All heavy atoms as atom14 arrays in JSON, in Angstrom:
{
  "sequence": "ISRRAGRTSGYYEYKFVAESPVGPEQLEQFVWSSFQTAEKPVKK",
  "atom14_mask": [
    [1, 1, 1, 1, 1, 1, 1, 1, 0, 0, 0, 0, 0, 0],
    [1, 1, 1, 1, 1, 1, 0, 0, 0, 0, 0, 0, 0, 0],
    [1, 1, 1, 1, 1, 1, 1, 1, 1, 1, 1, 0, 0, 0],
    [1, 1, 1, 1, 1, 1, 1, 1, 1, 1, 1, 0, 0, 0],
    [1, 1, 1, 1, 1, 0, 0, 0, 0, 0, 0, 0, 0, 0],
    [1, 1, 1, 1, 0, 0, 0, 0, 0, 0, 0, 0, 0, 0],
    [1, 1, 1, 1, 1, 1, 1, 1, 1, 1, 1, 0, 0, 0],
    [1, 1, 1, 1, 1, 1, 1, 0, 0, 0, 0, 0, 0, 0],
    [1, 1, 1, 1, 1, 1, 0, 0, 0, 0, 0, 0, 0, 0],
    [1, 1, 1, 1, 0, 0, 0, 0, 0, 0, 0, 0, 0, 0],
    [1, 1, 1, 1, 1, 1, 1, 1, 1, 1, 1, 1, 0, 0],
    [1, 1, 1, 1, 1, 1, 1, 1, 1, 1, 1, 1, 0, 0],
    [1, 1, 1, 1, 1, 1, 1, 1, 1, 0, 0, 0, 0, 0],
    [1, 1, 1, 1, 1, 1, 1, 1, 1, 1, 1, 1, 0, 0],
    [1, 1, 1, 1, 1, 1, 1, 1, 1, 0, 0, 0, 0, 0],
    [1, 1, 1, 1, 1, 1, 1, 1, 1, 1, 1, 0, 0, 0],
    [1, 1, 1, 1, 1, 1, 1, 0, 0, 0, 0, 0, 0, 0],
    [1, 1, 1, 1, 1, 0, 0, 0, 0, 0, 0, 0, 0, 0],
    [1, 1, 1, 1, 1, 1, 1, 1, 1, 0, 0, 0, 0, 0],
    [1, 1, 1, 1, 1, 1, 0, 0, 0, 0, 0, 0, 0, 0],
    [1, 1, 1, 1, 1, 1, 1, 0, 0, 0, 0, 0, 0, 0],
    [1, 1, 1, 1, 1, 1, 1, 0, 0, 0, 0, 0, 0, 0],
    [1, 1, 1, 1, 0, 0, 0, 0, 0, 0, 0, 0, 0, 0],
    [1, 1, 1, 1, 1, 1, 1, 0, 0, 0, 0, 0, 0, 0],
    [1, 1, 1, 1, 1, 1, 1, 1, 1, 0, 0, 0, 0, 0],
    [1, 1, 1, 1, 1, 1, 1, 1, 1, 0, 0, 0, 0, 0],
    [1, 1, 1, 1, 1, 1, 1, 1, 0, 0, 0, 0, 0, 0],
    [1, 1, 1, 1, 1, 1, 1, 1, 1, 0, 0, 0, 0, 0],
    [1, 1, 1, 1, 1, 1, 1, 1, 1, 0, 0, 0, 0, 0],
    [1, 1, 1, 1, 1, 1, 1, 1, 1, 1, 1, 0, 0, 0],
    [1, 1, 1, 1, 1, 1, 1, 0, 0, 0, 0, 0, 0, 0],
    [1, 1, 1, 1, 1, 1, 1, 1, 1, 1, 1, 1, 1, 1],
    [1, 1, 1, 1, 1, 1, 0, 0, 0, 0, 0, 0, 0, 0],
    [1, 1, 1, 1, 1, 1, 0, 0, 0, 0, 0, 0, 0, 0],
    [1, 1, 1, 1, 1, 1, 1, 1, 1, 1, 1, 0, 0, 0],
    [1, 1, 1, 1, 1, 1, 1, 1, 1, 0, 0, 0, 0, 0],
    [1, 1, 1, 1, 1, 1, 1, 0, 0, 0, 0, 0, 0, 0],
    [1, 1, 1, 1, 1, 0, 0, 0, 0, 0, 0, 0, 0, 0],
    [1, 1, 1, 1, 1, 1, 1, 1, 1, 0, 0, 0, 0, 0],
    [1, 1, 1, 1, 1, 1, 1, 1, 1, 0, 0, 0, 0, 0],
    [1, 1, 1, 1, 1, 1, 1, 0, 0, 0, 0, 0, 0, 0],
    [1, 1, 1, 1, 1, 1, 1, 0, 0, 0, 0, 0, 0, 0],
    [1, 1, 1, 1, 1, 1, 1, 1, 1, 0, 0, 0, 0, 0],
    [1, 1, 1, 1, 1, 1, 1, 1, 1, 0, 0, 0, 0, 0]
  ],
  "atom14_positions": [
    [[-89.72, 74.75, -28.56], [-91.13, 74.55, -28.86], [-92.0, 75.2, -27.79], [-91.76, 75.01, -26.59], [-91.48, 73.05, -28.96], [-90.58, 72.36, -29.98], [-92.95, 72.85, -29.3], [-90.75, 70.85, -30.01], [0.0, 0.0, 0.0], [0.0, 0.0, 0.0], [0.0, 0.0, 0.0], [0.0, 0.0, 0.0], [0.0, 0.0, 0.0], [0.0, 0.0, 0.0]],
    [[-92.98, 75.97, -28.23], [-93.94, 76.6, -27.33], [-95.35, 76.36, -27.88], [-95.51, 75.96, -29.04], [-93.69, 78.11, -27.22], [-92.37, 78.38, -26.79], [0.0, 0.0, 0.0], [0.0, 0.0, 0.0], [0.0, 0.0, 0.0], [0.0, 0.0, 0.0], [0.0, 0.0, 0.0], [0.0, 0.0, 0.0], [0.0, 0.0, 0.0], [0.0, 0.0, 0.0]],
    [[-96.36, 76.62, -27.07], [-97.73, 76.48, -27.53], [-98.64, 77.48, -26.81], [-98.28, 78.02, -25.76], [-98.25, 75.05, -27.3], [-98.57, 74.73, -25.85], [-99.08, 73.31, -25.71], [-99.57, 73.06, -24.34], [-100.01, 71.9, -23.89], [-100.01, 70.84, -24.7], [-100.46, 71.76, -22.65], [0.0, 0.0, 0.0], [0.0, 0.0, 0.0], [0.0, 0.0, 0.0]],
    [[-99.81, 77.71, -27.4], [-100.85, 78.5, -26.74], [-102.21, 77.97, -27.18], [-102.33, 77.28, -28.2], [-100.71, 79.98, -27.06], [-100.81, 80.37, -28.52], [-100.55, 81.85, -28.68], [-100.47, 82.26, -30.07], [-100.08, 83.47, -30.47], [-99.71, 84.36, -29.57], [-100.04, 83.78, -31.74], [0.0, 0.0, 0.0], [0.0, 0.0, 0.0], [0.0, 0.0, 0.0]],
    [[-103.21, 78.28, -26.4], [-104.54, 77.75, -26.67], [-105.05, 78.2, -28.03], [-104.84, 79.35, -28.44], [-105.51, 78.19, -25.57], [0.0, 0.0, 0.0], [0.0, 0.0, 0.0], [0.0, 0.0, 0.0], [0.0, 0.0, 0.0], [0.0, 0.0, 0.0], [0.0, 0.0, 0.0], [0.0, 0.0, 0.0], [0.0, 0.0, 0.0], [0.0, 0.0, 0.0]],
    [[-105.71, 77.29, -28.74], [-106.28, 77.6, -30.05], [-107.68, 78.17, -29.94], [-108.2, 78.41, -28.85], [0.0, 0.0, 0.0], [0.0, 0.0, 0.0], [0.0, 0.0, 0.0], [0.0, 0.0, 0.0], [0.0, 0.0, 0.0], [0.0, 0.0, 0.0], [0.0, 0.0, 0.0], [0.0, 0.0, 0.0], [0.0, 0.0, 0.0], [0.0, 0.0, 0.0]],
    [[-108.29, 78.35, -31.08], [-109.63, 78.94, -31.1], [-110.68, 77.96, -30.6], [-111.78, 78.35, -30.2], [-109.99, 79.4, -32.51], [-110.14, 78.25, -33.52], [-110.8, 78.68, -34.8], [-111.28, 77.53, -35.56], [-112.11, 77.61, -36.58], [-112.56, 78.78, -36.98], [-112.51, 76.52, -37.2], [0.0, 0.0, 0.0], [0.0, 0.0, 0.0], [0.0, 0.0, 0.0]],
    [[-110.36, 76.66, -30.63], [-111.27, 75.61, -30.18], [-110.64, 74.85, -29.02], [-109.46, 74.51, -29.06], [-111.6, 74.64, -31.33], [-112.2, 75.37, -32.4], [-112.55, 73.55, -30.87], [0.0, 0.0, 0.0], [0.0, 0.0, 0.0], [0.0, 0.0, 0.0], [0.0, 0.0, 0.0], [0.0, 0.0, 0.0], [0.0, 0.0, 0.0], [0.0, 0.0, 0.0]],
    [[-111.42, 74.6, -27.99], [-110.92, 73.92, -26.81], [-110.27, 72.59, -27.17], [-110.84, 71.79, -27.92], [-112.07, 73.69, -25.81], [-111.64, 72.99, -24.68], [0.0, 0.0, 0.0], [0.0, 0.0, 0.0], [0.0, 0.0, 0.0], [0.0, 0.0, 0.0], [0.0, 0.0, 0.0], [0.0, 0.0, 0.0], [0.0, 0.0, 0.0], [0.0, 0.0, 0.0]],
    [[-109.08, 72.35, -26.63], [-108.39, 71.09, -26.87], [-107.33, 71.17, -27.95], [-106.46, 70.3, -28.03], [0.0, 0.0, 0.0], [0.0, 0.0, 0.0], [0.0, 0.0, 0.0], [0.0, 0.0, 0.0], [0.0, 0.0, 0.0], [0.0, 0.0, 0.0], [0.0, 0.0, 0.0], [0.0, 0.0, 0.0], [0.0, 0.0, 0.0], [0.0, 0.0, 0.0]],
    [[-107.37, 72.19, -28.8], [-106.37, 72.37, -29.84], [-105.38, 73.44, -29.43], [-105.71, 74.37, -28.7], [-107.03, 72.76, -31.17], [-107.76, 71.64, -31.85], [-109.15, 71.56, -31.79], [-107.07, 70.68, -32.58], [-109.83, 70.53, -32.42], [-107.75, 69.64, -33.22], [-109.12, 69.58, -33.14], [-109.79, 68.56, -33.76], [0.0, 0.0, 0.0], [0.0, 0.0, 0.0]],
    [[-104.15, 73.33, -29.95], [-103.1, 74.3, -29.64], [-102.45, 74.83, -30.9], [-102.32, 74.12, -31.9], [-102.02, 73.66, -28.76], [-102.48, 73.32, -27.37], [-102.83, 72.0, -27.06], [-102.57, 74.29, -26.38], [-103.26, 71.67, -25.78], [-103.0, 73.97, -25.1], [-103.35, 72.66, -24.8], [-103.78, 72.34, -23.54], [0.0, 0.0, 0.0], [0.0, 0.0, 0.0]],
    [[-102.05, 76.08, -30.83], [-101.17, 76.66, -31.84], [-99.74, 76.43, -31.35], [-99.44, 76.68, -30.17], [-101.44, 78.15, -32.01], [-100.59, 78.82, -33.07], [-100.88, 80.3, -33.21], [-101.63, 80.85, -32.38], [-100.33, 80.91, -34.15], [0.0, 0.0, 0.0], [0.0, 0.0, 0.0], [0.0, 0.0, 0.0], [0.0, 0.0, 0.0], [0.0, 0.0, 0.0]],
    [[-98.87, 75.96, -32.24], [-97.5, 75.65, -31.86], [-96.51, 76.62, -32.5], [-96.74, 77.11, -33.61], [-97.15, 74.22, -32.27], [-97.88, 73.18, -31.46], [-99.02, 72.54, -31.96], [-97.43, 72.82, -30.19], [-99.71, 71.59, -31.21], [-98.11, 71.87, -29.43], [-99.25, 71.27, -29.95], [-99.93, 70.33, -29.2], [0.0, 0.0, 0.0], [0.0, 0.0, 0.0]],
    [[-95.42, 76.85, -31.79], [-94.35, 77.7, -32.31], [-93.02, 76.96, -32.19], [-92.7, 76.4, -31.14], [-94.27, 79.02, -31.53], [-93.14, 79.93, -32.02], [-93.22, 81.32, -31.4], [-92.87, 81.31, -29.93], [-92.77, 82.68, -29.38], [0.0, 0.0, 0.0], [0.0, 0.0, 0.0], [0.0, 0.0, 0.0], [0.0, 0.0, 0.0], [0.0, 0.0, 0.0]],
    [[-92.27, 76.96, -33.27], [-90.96, 76.31, -33.33], [-89.91, 77.37, -33.69], [-90.09, 78.11, -34.65], [-90.95, 75.2, -34.38], [-92.04, 74.18, -34.2], [-93.3, 74.38, -34.73], [-91.81, 73.03, -33.47], [-94.32, 73.46, -34.56], [-92.82, 72.08, -33.29], [-94.08, 72.3, -33.83], [0.0, 0.0, 0.0], [0.0, 0.0, 0.0], [0.0, 0.0, 0.0]],
    [[-88.82, 77.42, -32.92], [-87.76, 78.4, -33.16], [-86.42, 77.68, -33.21], [-86.12, 76.85, -32.34], [-87.73, 79.48, -32.06], [-86.63, 80.5, -32.35], [-89.08, 80.18, -31.94], [0.0, 0.0, 0.0], [0.0, 0.0, 0.0], [0.0, 0.0, 0.0], [0.0, 0.0, 0.0], [0.0, 0.0, 0.0], [0.0, 0.0, 0.0], [0.0, 0.0, 0.0]],
    [[-85.62, 77.98, -34.22], [-84.31, 77.35, -34.35], [-83.38, 78.23, -35.17], [-83.83, 79.15, -35.88], [-84.43, 75.98, -35.0], [0.0, 0.0, 0.0], [0.0, 0.0, 0.0], [0.0, 0.0, 0.0], [0.0, 0.0, 0.0], [0.0, 0.0, 0.0], [0.0, 0.0, 0.0], [0.0, 0.0, 0.0], [0.0, 0.0, 0.0], [0.0, 0.0, 0.0]],
    [[-82.09, 77.96, -35.08], [-81.08, 78.63, -35.88], [-80.73, 77.77, -37.09], [-80.72, 76.53, -37.01], [-79.82, 78.89, -35.06], [-80.0, 79.85, -33.9], [-80.09, 81.31, -34.33], [-79.62, 81.62, -35.45], [-80.6, 82.13, -33.55], [0.0, 0.0, 0.0], [0.0, 0.0, 0.0], [0.0, 0.0, 0.0], [0.0, 0.0, 0.0], [0.0, 0.0, 0.0]],
    [[-80.48, 78.42, -38.22], [-80.05, 77.73, -39.43], [-78.78, 78.38, -39.96], [-78.67, 79.61, -39.94], [-81.14, 77.79, -40.51], [-80.64, 77.33, -41.77], [0.0, 0.0, 0.0], [0.0, 0.0, 0.0], [0.0, 0.0, 0.0], [0.0, 0.0, 0.0], [0.0, 0.0, 0.0], [0.0, 0.0, 0.0], [0.0, 0.0, 0.0], [0.0, 0.0, 0.0]],
    [[-77.82, 77.59, -40.44], [-76.62, 78.18, -41.02], [-76.86, 78.8, -42.39], [-76.0, 79.5, -42.93], [-75.66, 76.99, -41.12], [-76.56, 75.8, -41.26], [-77.76, 76.12, -40.41], [0.0, 0.0, 0.0], [0.0, 0.0, 0.0], [0.0, 0.0, 0.0], [0.0, 0.0, 0.0], [0.0, 0.0, 0.0], [0.0, 0.0, 0.0], [0.0, 0.0, 0.0]],
    [[-78.04, 78.55, -42.96], [-78.38, 79.09, -44.28], [-78.8, 80.56, -44.14], [-79.56, 80.92, -43.24], [-79.53, 78.29, -44.92], [-79.88, 78.85, -46.29], [-79.15, 76.82, -45.01], [0.0, 0.0, 0.0], [0.0, 0.0, 0.0], [0.0, 0.0, 0.0], [0.0, 0.0, 0.0], [0.0, 0.0, 0.0], [0.0, 0.0, 0.0], [0.0, 0.0, 0.0]],
    [[-78.28, 81.4, -45.0], [-78.59, 82.83, -44.95], [-80.06, 83.12, -45.23], [-80.75, 82.32, -45.88], [0.0, 0.0, 0.0], [0.0, 0.0, 0.0], [0.0, 0.0, 0.0], [0.0, 0.0, 0.0], [0.0, 0.0, 0.0], [0.0, 0.0, 0.0], [0.0, 0.0, 0.0], [0.0, 0.0, 0.0], [0.0, 0.0, 0.0], [0.0, 0.0, 0.0]],
    [[-80.56, 84.26, -44.75], [-82.0, 84.59, -44.9], [-82.5, 84.58, -46.33], [-83.58, 84.06, -46.61], [-82.1, 85.99, -44.28], [-80.99, 86.04, -43.29], [-79.87, 85.26, -43.91], [0.0, 0.0, 0.0], [0.0, 0.0, 0.0], [0.0, 0.0, 0.0], [0.0, 0.0, 0.0], [0.0, 0.0, 0.0], [0.0, 0.0, 0.0], [0.0, 0.0, 0.0]],
    [[-81.74, 85.13, -47.26], [-82.21, 85.2, -48.65], [-82.3, 83.81, -49.26], [-83.29, 83.47, -49.92], [-81.27, 86.07, -49.48], [-81.75, 86.23, -50.92], [-80.88, 87.2, -51.72], [-80.0, 87.83, -51.12], [-81.1, 87.31, -52.94], [0.0, 0.0, 0.0], [0.0, 0.0, 0.0], [0.0, 0.0, 0.0], [0.0, 0.0, 0.0], [0.0, 0.0, 0.0]],
    [[-81.3, 82.99, -49.03], [-81.32, 81.63, -49.58], [-82.42, 80.79, -48.95], [-83.1, 80.02, -49.64], [-79.96, 80.96, -49.35], [-78.82, 81.56, -50.16], [-77.49, 80.95, -49.78], [-77.1, 80.98, -48.61], [-76.79, 80.39, -50.76], [0.0, 0.0, 0.0], [0.0, 0.0, 0.0], [0.0, 0.0, 0.0], [0.0, 0.0, 0.0], [0.0, 0.0, 0.0]],
    [[-82.6, 80.93, -47.64], [-83.64, 80.16, -46.96], [-85.02, 80.6, -47.4], [-85.92, 79.78, -47.59], [-83.49, 80.32, -45.45], [-84.38, 79.42, -44.58], [-84.16, 77.94, -44.91], [-84.11, 79.67, -43.1], [0.0, 0.0, 0.0], [0.0, 0.0, 0.0], [0.0, 0.0, 0.0], [0.0, 0.0, 0.0], [0.0, 0.0, 0.0], [0.0, 0.0, 0.0]],
    [[-85.18, 81.91, -47.6], [-86.46, 82.42, -48.1], [-86.81, 81.79, -49.45], [-87.94, 81.32, -49.66], [-86.38, 83.94, -48.25], [-87.62, 84.54, -48.91], [-87.4, 85.98, -49.36], [-86.25, 86.47, -49.3], [-88.39, 86.6, -49.8], [0.0, 0.0, 0.0], [0.0, 0.0, 0.0], [0.0, 0.0, 0.0], [0.0, 0.0, 0.0], [0.0, 0.0, 0.0]],
    [[-85.85, 81.76, -50.37], [-86.11, 81.2, -51.69], [-86.41, 79.71, -51.62], [-87.28, 79.2, -52.34], [-84.9, 81.45, -52.6], [-84.65, 82.91, -52.91], [-85.83, 83.57, -53.62], [-86.55, 82.94, -54.39], [-86.05, 84.85, -53.34], [0.0, 0.0, 0.0], [0.0, 0.0, 0.0], [0.0, 0.0, 0.0], [0.0, 0.0, 0.0], [0.0, 0.0, 0.0]],
    [[-85.71, 79.0, -50.75], [-85.93, 77.55, -50.62], [-87.34, 77.26, -50.11], [-88.06, 76.43, -50.67], [-84.9, 76.95, -49.68], [-85.09, 75.46, -49.46], [-84.6, 74.56, -50.38], [-85.78, 74.99, -48.36], [-84.79, 73.19, -50.21], [-85.97, 73.63, -48.17], [-85.47, 72.73, -49.1], [0.0, 0.0, 0.0], [0.0, 0.0, 0.0], [0.0, 0.0, 0.0]],
    [[-87.75, 77.95, -49.04], [-89.08, 77.69, -48.47], [-90.17, 78.09, -49.46], [-91.14, 77.36, -49.68], [-89.25, 78.43, -47.13], [-90.68, 78.26, -46.61], [-88.26, 77.91, -46.1], [0.0, 0.0, 0.0], [0.0, 0.0, 0.0], [0.0, 0.0, 0.0], [0.0, 0.0, 0.0], [0.0, 0.0, 0.0], [0.0, 0.0, 0.0], [0.0, 0.0, 0.0]],
    [[-90.01, 79.26, -50.1], [-91.04, 79.72, -51.02], [-91.19, 78.76, -52.2], [-92.32, 78.44, -52.61], [-90.73, 81.13, -51.52], [-91.76, 81.71, -52.43], [-91.7, 81.86, -53.78], [-93.07, 82.18, -52.06], [-92.86, 82.41, -54.27], [-93.71, 82.62, -53.23], [-93.73, 82.29, -50.84], [-95.01, 83.15, -53.22], [-95.02, 82.81, -50.82], [-95.65, 83.24, -52.0]],
    [[-90.09, 78.3, -52.74], [-90.16, 77.39, -53.9], [-90.81, 76.06, -53.51], [-91.4, 75.37, -54.37], [-88.76, 77.15, -54.47], [-87.93, 76.47, -53.55], [0.0, 0.0, 0.0], [0.0, 0.0, 0.0], [0.0, 0.0, 0.0], [0.0, 0.0, 0.0], [0.0, 0.0, 0.0], [0.0, 0.0, 0.0], [0.0, 0.0, 0.0], [0.0, 0.0, 0.0]],
    [[-90.73, 75.68, -52.24], [-91.3, 74.4, -51.83], [-92.82, 74.37, -51.95], [-93.42, 73.31, -52.08], [-90.91, 74.09, -50.38], [-91.61, 74.9, -49.47], [0.0, 0.0, 0.0], [0.0, 0.0, 0.0], [0.0, 0.0, 0.0], [0.0, 0.0, 0.0], [0.0, 0.0, 0.0], [0.0, 0.0, 0.0], [0.0, 0.0, 0.0], [0.0, 0.0, 0.0]],
    [[-93.44, 75.54, -51.93], [-94.9, 75.59, -52.03], [-95.39, 75.21, -53.42], [-96.58, 74.97, -53.63], [-95.43, 76.99, -51.66], [-95.08, 77.42, -50.26], [-94.63, 78.71, -50.01], [-95.19, 76.54, -49.2], [-94.3, 79.11, -48.73], [-94.86, 76.94, -47.91], [-94.42, 78.22, -47.67], [0.0, 0.0, 0.0], [0.0, 0.0, 0.0], [0.0, 0.0, 0.0]],
    [[-94.49, 75.17, -54.38], [-94.86, 74.8, -55.75], [-95.03, 73.3, -55.92], [-95.58, 72.85, -56.93], [-93.79, 75.31, -56.73], [-93.62, 76.81, -56.76], [-94.81, 77.52, -57.35], [-95.44, 77.02, -58.28], [-95.13, 78.69, -56.82], [0.0, 0.0, 0.0], [0.0, 0.0, 0.0], [0.0, 0.0, 0.0], [0.0, 0.0, 0.0], [0.0, 0.0, 0.0]],
    [[-94.59, 72.52, -54.95], [-94.58, 71.07, -55.07], [-95.56, 70.43, -54.11], [-95.55, 70.72, -52.91], [-93.17, 70.51, -54.79], [-92.23, 71.15, -55.67], [-93.13, 69.02, -55.0], [0.0, 0.0, 0.0], [0.0, 0.0, 0.0], [0.0, 0.0, 0.0], [0.0, 0.0, 0.0], [0.0, 0.0, 0.0], [0.0, 0.0, 0.0], [0.0, 0.0, 0.0]],
    [[-96.41, 69.57, -54.62], [-97.36, 68.83, -53.79], [-96.79, 67.45, -53.47], [-96.22, 66.8, -54.34], [-98.7, 68.69, -54.5], [0.0, 0.0, 0.0], [0.0, 0.0, 0.0], [0.0, 0.0, 0.0], [0.0, 0.0, 0.0], [0.0, 0.0, 0.0], [0.0, 0.0, 0.0], [0.0, 0.0, 0.0], [0.0, 0.0, 0.0], [0.0, 0.0, 0.0]],
    [[-96.92, 67.03, -52.23], [-96.44, 65.73, -51.81], [-97.61, 64.83, -51.42], [-98.69, 65.31, -51.1], [-95.49, 65.88, -50.61], [-94.24, 66.7, -50.91], [-93.3, 66.75, -49.73], [-93.6, 66.11, -48.7], [-92.26, 67.43, -49.82], [0.0, 0.0, 0.0], [0.0, 0.0, 0.0], [0.0, 0.0, 0.0], [0.0, 0.0, 0.0], [0.0, 0.0, 0.0]],
    [[-97.37, 63.54, -51.45], [-98.4, 62.59, -51.02], [-98.77, 62.89, -49.57], [-97.92, 63.27, -48.77], [-97.88, 61.16, -51.13], [-97.68, 60.69, -52.56], [-97.2, 59.24, -52.59], [-97.02, 58.75, -54.02], [-96.57, 57.34, -54.06], [0.0, 0.0, 0.0], [0.0, 0.0, 0.0], [0.0, 0.0, 0.0], [0.0, 0.0, 0.0], [0.0, 0.0, 0.0]],
    [[-100.07, 62.77, -49.21], [-101.16, 62.17, -49.98], [-101.97, 63.13, -50.84], [-103.14, 62.9, -51.11], [-102.03, 61.6, -48.86], [-101.88, 62.58, -47.75], [-100.47, 63.04, -47.81], [0.0, 0.0, 0.0], [0.0, 0.0, 0.0], [0.0, 0.0, 0.0], [0.0, 0.0, 0.0], [0.0, 0.0, 0.0], [0.0, 0.0, 0.0], [0.0, 0.0, 0.0]],
    [[-101.36, 64.28, -51.26], [-102.08, 65.18, -52.16], [-102.3, 64.47, -53.49], [-101.35, 64.04, -54.15], [-101.32, 66.5, -52.38], [-102.04, 67.37, -53.4], [-101.18, 67.25, -51.05], [0.0, 0.0, 0.0], [0.0, 0.0, 0.0], [0.0, 0.0, 0.0], [0.0, 0.0, 0.0], [0.0, 0.0, 0.0], [0.0, 0.0, 0.0], [0.0, 0.0, 0.0]],
    [[-103.55, 64.36, -53.88], [-103.91, 63.67, -55.12], [-103.88, 64.63, -56.31], [-103.48, 64.27, -57.42], [-105.31, 63.06, -54.97], [-105.79, 62.25, -56.16], [-107.16, 61.65, -55.87], [-107.68, 60.84, -57.03], [-109.03, 60.27, -56.74], [0.0, 0.0, 0.0], [0.0, 0.0, 0.0], [0.0, 0.0, 0.0], [0.0, 0.0, 0.0], [0.0, 0.0, 0.0]],
    [[-104.3, 65.87, -56.05], [-104.34, 66.86, -57.12], [-104.2, 68.25, -56.53], [-104.88, 68.58, -55.55], [-105.67, 66.77, -57.9], [-105.8, 67.76, -59.03], [-107.14, 67.63, -59.74], [-107.28, 68.63, -60.88], [-108.61, 68.52, -61.53], [0.0, 0.0, 0.0], [0.0, 0.0, 0.0], [0.0, 0.0, 0.0], [0.0, 0.0, 0.0], [0.0, 0.0, 0.0]]
  ]
}
């Protein structure tokens, strides 16, 4: 985990880096498909 100053004082942009055993193509499809689903507390 790393961070750097954001556009507004007091806020930070964060970066997370990790290894996954899932191949790039499969992981790409999984993450992209997740954007189709809304989770609580999304009402609409």
